[in-house]
């Protein structure tokens, strides 16, 4: 399975549409809120992971540049 950030975006908007359903009430609404919180948690982790991969790629691309400044958090 090859999911993309575009797929994640579509899932998040679909969840928003479900939460916006004015006919959803009571236990069904509470279930949807719980589901939305779970989706938000997973989405946040996916985004954080993507950000980490991007940062690593930028560092990798800069490794041949003798003038590059190493972030303090990575200095020895």
N, C-alpha and C. Protein backbone atom coordinates (compact mmCIF):
# COMPACT_ATOMS: atom_id res chain seq x y z
N UNK A 1 0.85 -1.16 0.00
CA UNK A 1 0.00 0.00 0.00
C UNK A 1 0.90 1.23 0.00
N UNK A 2 0.70 2.14 -0.94
CA UNK A 2 1.48 3.37 -1.06
C UNK A 2 0.58 4.57 -0.82
N UNK A 3 0.53 5.05 0.39
CA UNK A 3 -0.26 6.23 0.70
C UNK A 3 0.61 7.47 0.58
N UNK A 4 -0.01 8.59 0.27
CA UNK A 4 0.71 9.84 0.12
C UNK A 4 0.16 10.87 1.11
N UNK A 5 0.85 12.00 1.21
CA UNK A 5 0.33 13.07 2.05
C UNK A 5 -0.96 13.62 1.46
N UNK A 6 -1.13 13.51 0.15
CA UNK A 6 -2.39 13.89 -0.48
C UNK A 6 -3.53 13.00 0.00
N UNK A 7 -3.25 11.70 0.13
CA UNK A 7 -4.26 10.78 0.66
C UNK A 7 -4.62 11.15 2.10
N UNK A 8 -3.61 11.48 2.89
CA UNK A 8 -3.85 11.90 4.27
C UNK A 8 -4.74 13.14 4.30
N UNK A 9 -4.43 14.09 3.44
CA UNK A 9 -5.24 15.30 3.35
C UNK A 9 -6.69 14.96 3.02
N UNK A 10 -6.91 14.06 2.08
CA UNK A 10 -8.27 13.64 1.73
C UNK A 10 -8.98 12.99 2.91
N UNK A 11 -8.28 12.15 3.66
CA UNK A 11 -8.88 11.50 4.84
C UNK A 11 -9.27 12.54 5.90
N UNK A 12 -8.40 13.52 6.09
CA UNK A 12 -8.68 14.54 7.09
C UNK A 12 -9.90 15.37 6.71
N UNK A 13 -10.01 15.72 5.43
CA UNK A 13 -11.19 16.48 5.01
C UNK A 13 -12.46 15.63 5.06
N UNK A 14 -12.34 14.34 4.76
CA UNK A 14 -13.50 13.45 4.87
C UNK A 14 -13.97 13.37 6.32
N UNK A 15 -13.01 13.31 7.25
CA UNK A 15 -13.36 13.28 8.66
C UNK A 15 -14.04 14.58 9.07
N UNK A 16 -13.53 15.68 8.58
CA UNK A 16 -14.14 16.98 8.88
C UNK A 16 -15.59 17.02 8.39
N UNK A 17 -15.84 16.47 7.21
CA UNK A 17 -17.20 16.43 6.68
C UNK A 17 -18.11 15.57 7.56
N UNK A 18 -17.58 14.44 8.05
CA UNK A 18 -18.40 13.59 8.93
C UNK A 18 -18.73 14.33 10.23
N UNK A 19 -17.76 15.05 10.77
CA UNK A 19 -18.00 15.81 12.01
C UNK A 19 -18.98 16.95 11.78
N UNK A 20 -19.05 17.45 10.57
CA UNK A 20 -19.93 18.57 10.24
C UNK A 20 -21.37 18.13 9.96
N UNK A 21 -21.63 16.84 10.00
CA UNK A 21 -22.98 16.32 9.75
C UNK A 21 -23.90 16.73 10.91
N UNK A 22 -24.80 17.64 10.64
CA UNK A 22 -25.68 18.16 11.69
C UNK A 22 -26.69 17.13 12.18
N UNK A 23 -26.89 16.06 11.44
CA UNK A 23 -27.82 15.00 11.87
C UNK A 23 -27.18 14.03 12.85
N UNK A 24 -25.88 14.12 13.00
CA UNK A 24 -25.15 13.24 13.91
C UNK A 24 -25.35 13.76 15.33
N UNK A 25 -25.90 12.90 16.19
CA UNK A 25 -26.22 13.31 17.55
C UNK A 25 -25.90 12.18 18.54
N UNK A 26 -25.83 12.54 19.79
CA UNK A 26 -25.69 11.56 20.87
C UNK A 26 -24.48 10.66 20.76
N UNK A 27 -24.71 9.35 20.92
CA UNK A 27 -23.63 8.38 20.91
C UNK A 27 -22.91 8.34 19.57
N UNK A 28 -23.64 8.50 18.48
CA UNK A 28 -23.02 8.48 17.15
C UNK A 28 -22.06 9.66 17.01
N UNK A 29 -22.44 10.82 17.51
CA UNK A 29 -21.57 11.99 17.46
C UNK A 29 -20.34 11.76 18.33
N UNK A 30 -20.55 11.20 19.52
CA UNK A 30 -19.43 10.93 20.41
C UNK A 30 -18.46 9.93 19.78
N UNK A 31 -18.96 8.91 19.12
CA UNK A 31 -18.11 7.95 18.42
C UNK A 31 -17.29 8.64 17.35
N UNK A 32 -17.92 9.55 16.60
CA UNK A 32 -17.23 10.25 15.52
C UNK A 32 -16.15 11.18 16.09
N UNK A 33 -16.43 11.79 17.22
CA UNK A 33 -15.43 12.65 17.87
C UNK A 33 -14.24 11.81 18.32
N UNK A 34 -14.50 10.66 18.89
CA UNK A 34 -13.42 9.75 19.32
C UNK A 34 -12.60 9.30 18.11
N UNK A 35 -13.28 8.97 17.04
CA UNK A 35 -12.59 8.56 15.81
C UNK A 35 -11.74 9.71 15.28
N UNK A 36 -12.28 10.92 15.31
CA UNK A 36 -11.55 12.09 14.81
C UNK A 36 -10.28 12.32 15.63
N UNK A 37 -10.37 12.14 16.95
CA UNK A 37 -9.19 12.30 17.79
C UNK A 37 -8.12 11.27 17.45
N UNK A 38 -8.53 10.03 17.20
CA UNK A 38 -7.59 8.98 16.82
C UNK A 38 -6.94 9.30 15.47
N UNK A 39 -7.74 9.75 14.52
CA UNK A 39 -7.21 10.11 13.20
C UNK A 39 -6.24 11.27 13.34
N UNK A 40 -6.57 12.24 14.16
CA UNK A 40 -5.69 13.38 14.39
C UNK A 40 -4.35 12.93 14.97
N UNK A 41 -4.37 12.02 15.93
CA UNK A 41 -3.13 11.52 16.54
C UNK A 41 -2.26 10.85 15.49
N UNK A 42 -2.84 9.98 14.69
CA UNK A 42 -2.08 9.27 13.65
C UNK A 42 -1.56 10.27 12.61
N UNK A 43 -2.41 11.19 12.17
CA UNK A 43 -2.01 12.18 11.18
C UNK A 43 -0.84 13.03 11.70
N UNK A 44 -0.90 13.42 12.96
CA UNK A 44 0.19 14.22 13.55
C UNK A 44 1.50 13.46 13.52
N UNK A 45 1.45 12.17 13.80
CA UNK A 45 2.67 11.35 13.77
C UNK A 45 3.20 11.20 12.35
N UNK A 46 2.31 11.03 11.39
CA UNK A 46 2.73 10.92 9.99
C UNK A 46 3.40 12.21 9.54
N UNK A 47 2.80 13.34 9.89
CA UNK A 47 3.36 14.64 9.50
C UNK A 47 4.71 14.86 10.18
N UNK A 48 4.83 14.54 11.45
CA UNK A 48 6.09 14.69 12.16
C UNK A 48 7.17 13.80 11.53
N UNK A 49 6.80 12.59 11.17
CA UNK A 49 7.75 11.68 10.53
C UNK A 49 8.19 12.23 9.18
N UNK A 50 7.24 12.76 8.40
CA UNK A 50 7.58 13.35 7.12
C UNK A 50 8.52 14.54 7.27
N UNK A 51 8.30 15.33 8.29
CA UNK A 51 9.16 16.48 8.57
C UNK A 51 10.57 16.01 8.93
N UNK A 52 10.68 14.96 9.73
CA UNK A 52 11.98 14.41 10.10
C UNK A 52 12.72 13.90 8.87
N UNK A 53 12.02 13.19 8.00
CA UNK A 53 12.63 12.69 6.76
C UNK A 53 13.13 13.85 5.91
N UNK A 54 12.34 14.90 5.81
CA UNK A 54 12.73 16.07 5.02
C UNK A 54 13.97 16.74 5.62
N UNK A 55 14.01 16.88 6.93
CA UNK A 55 15.19 17.47 7.58
C UNK A 55 16.43 16.63 7.33
N UNK A 56 16.29 15.31 7.43
CA UNK A 56 17.42 14.42 7.18
C UNK A 56 17.89 14.55 5.74
N UNK A 57 16.97 14.64 4.82
CA UNK A 57 17.32 14.79 3.40
C UNK A 57 18.07 16.10 3.17
N UNK A 58 17.62 17.17 3.81
CA UNK A 58 18.30 18.45 3.66
C UNK A 58 19.73 18.37 4.20
N UNK A 59 19.91 17.74 5.35
CA UNK A 59 21.26 17.57 5.91
C UNK A 59 22.11 16.72 4.98
N UNK A 60 21.53 15.67 4.43
CA UNK A 60 22.26 14.81 3.50
C UNK A 60 22.67 15.59 2.26
N UNK A 61 21.81 16.41 1.73
CA UNK A 61 22.12 17.22 0.54
C UNK A 61 23.22 18.23 0.83
N UNK A 62 23.28 18.73 2.06
CA UNK A 62 24.27 19.73 2.42
C UNK A 62 25.60 19.15 2.89
N UNK A 63 25.71 17.86 3.02
CA UNK A 63 26.91 17.28 3.63
C UNK A 63 28.17 17.54 2.82
N UNK A 64 28.04 17.78 1.52
CA UNK A 64 29.20 18.04 0.68
C UNK A 64 29.59 19.52 0.70
N UNK A 65 28.80 20.36 1.33
CA UNK A 65 29.07 21.78 1.39
C UNK A 65 29.90 22.07 2.64
N UNK A 66 31.16 22.46 2.44
CA UNK A 66 32.06 22.70 3.57
C UNK A 66 31.63 23.90 4.41
N UNK A 67 30.80 24.76 3.85
CA UNK A 67 30.38 25.97 4.56
C UNK A 67 29.09 25.77 5.36
N UNK A 68 28.50 24.58 5.31
CA UNK A 68 27.23 24.36 5.97
C UNK A 68 27.40 24.42 7.49
N UNK A 69 26.45 25.03 8.16
CA UNK A 69 26.45 25.11 9.62
C UNK A 69 25.64 23.94 10.16
N UNK A 70 26.22 23.15 11.04
CA UNK A 70 25.55 22.02 11.67
C UNK A 70 24.65 22.56 12.78
N UNK A 71 23.39 22.15 12.82
CA UNK A 71 22.52 22.58 13.92
C UNK A 71 23.12 22.19 15.27
N UNK A 72 23.01 23.09 16.25
CA UNK A 72 23.59 22.84 17.58
C UNK A 72 23.13 21.51 18.18
N UNK A 73 21.88 21.14 17.92
CA UNK A 73 21.38 19.90 18.51
C UNK A 73 22.10 18.67 17.96
N UNK A 74 22.79 18.80 16.81
CA UNK A 74 23.51 17.68 16.21
C UNK A 74 25.01 17.71 16.46
N UNK A 75 25.51 18.82 17.04
CA UNK A 75 26.92 18.92 17.30
C UNK A 75 27.28 18.00 18.47
N UNK A 76 28.46 17.43 18.38
CA UNK A 76 28.93 16.43 19.25
C UNK A 76 29.09 16.66 20.67
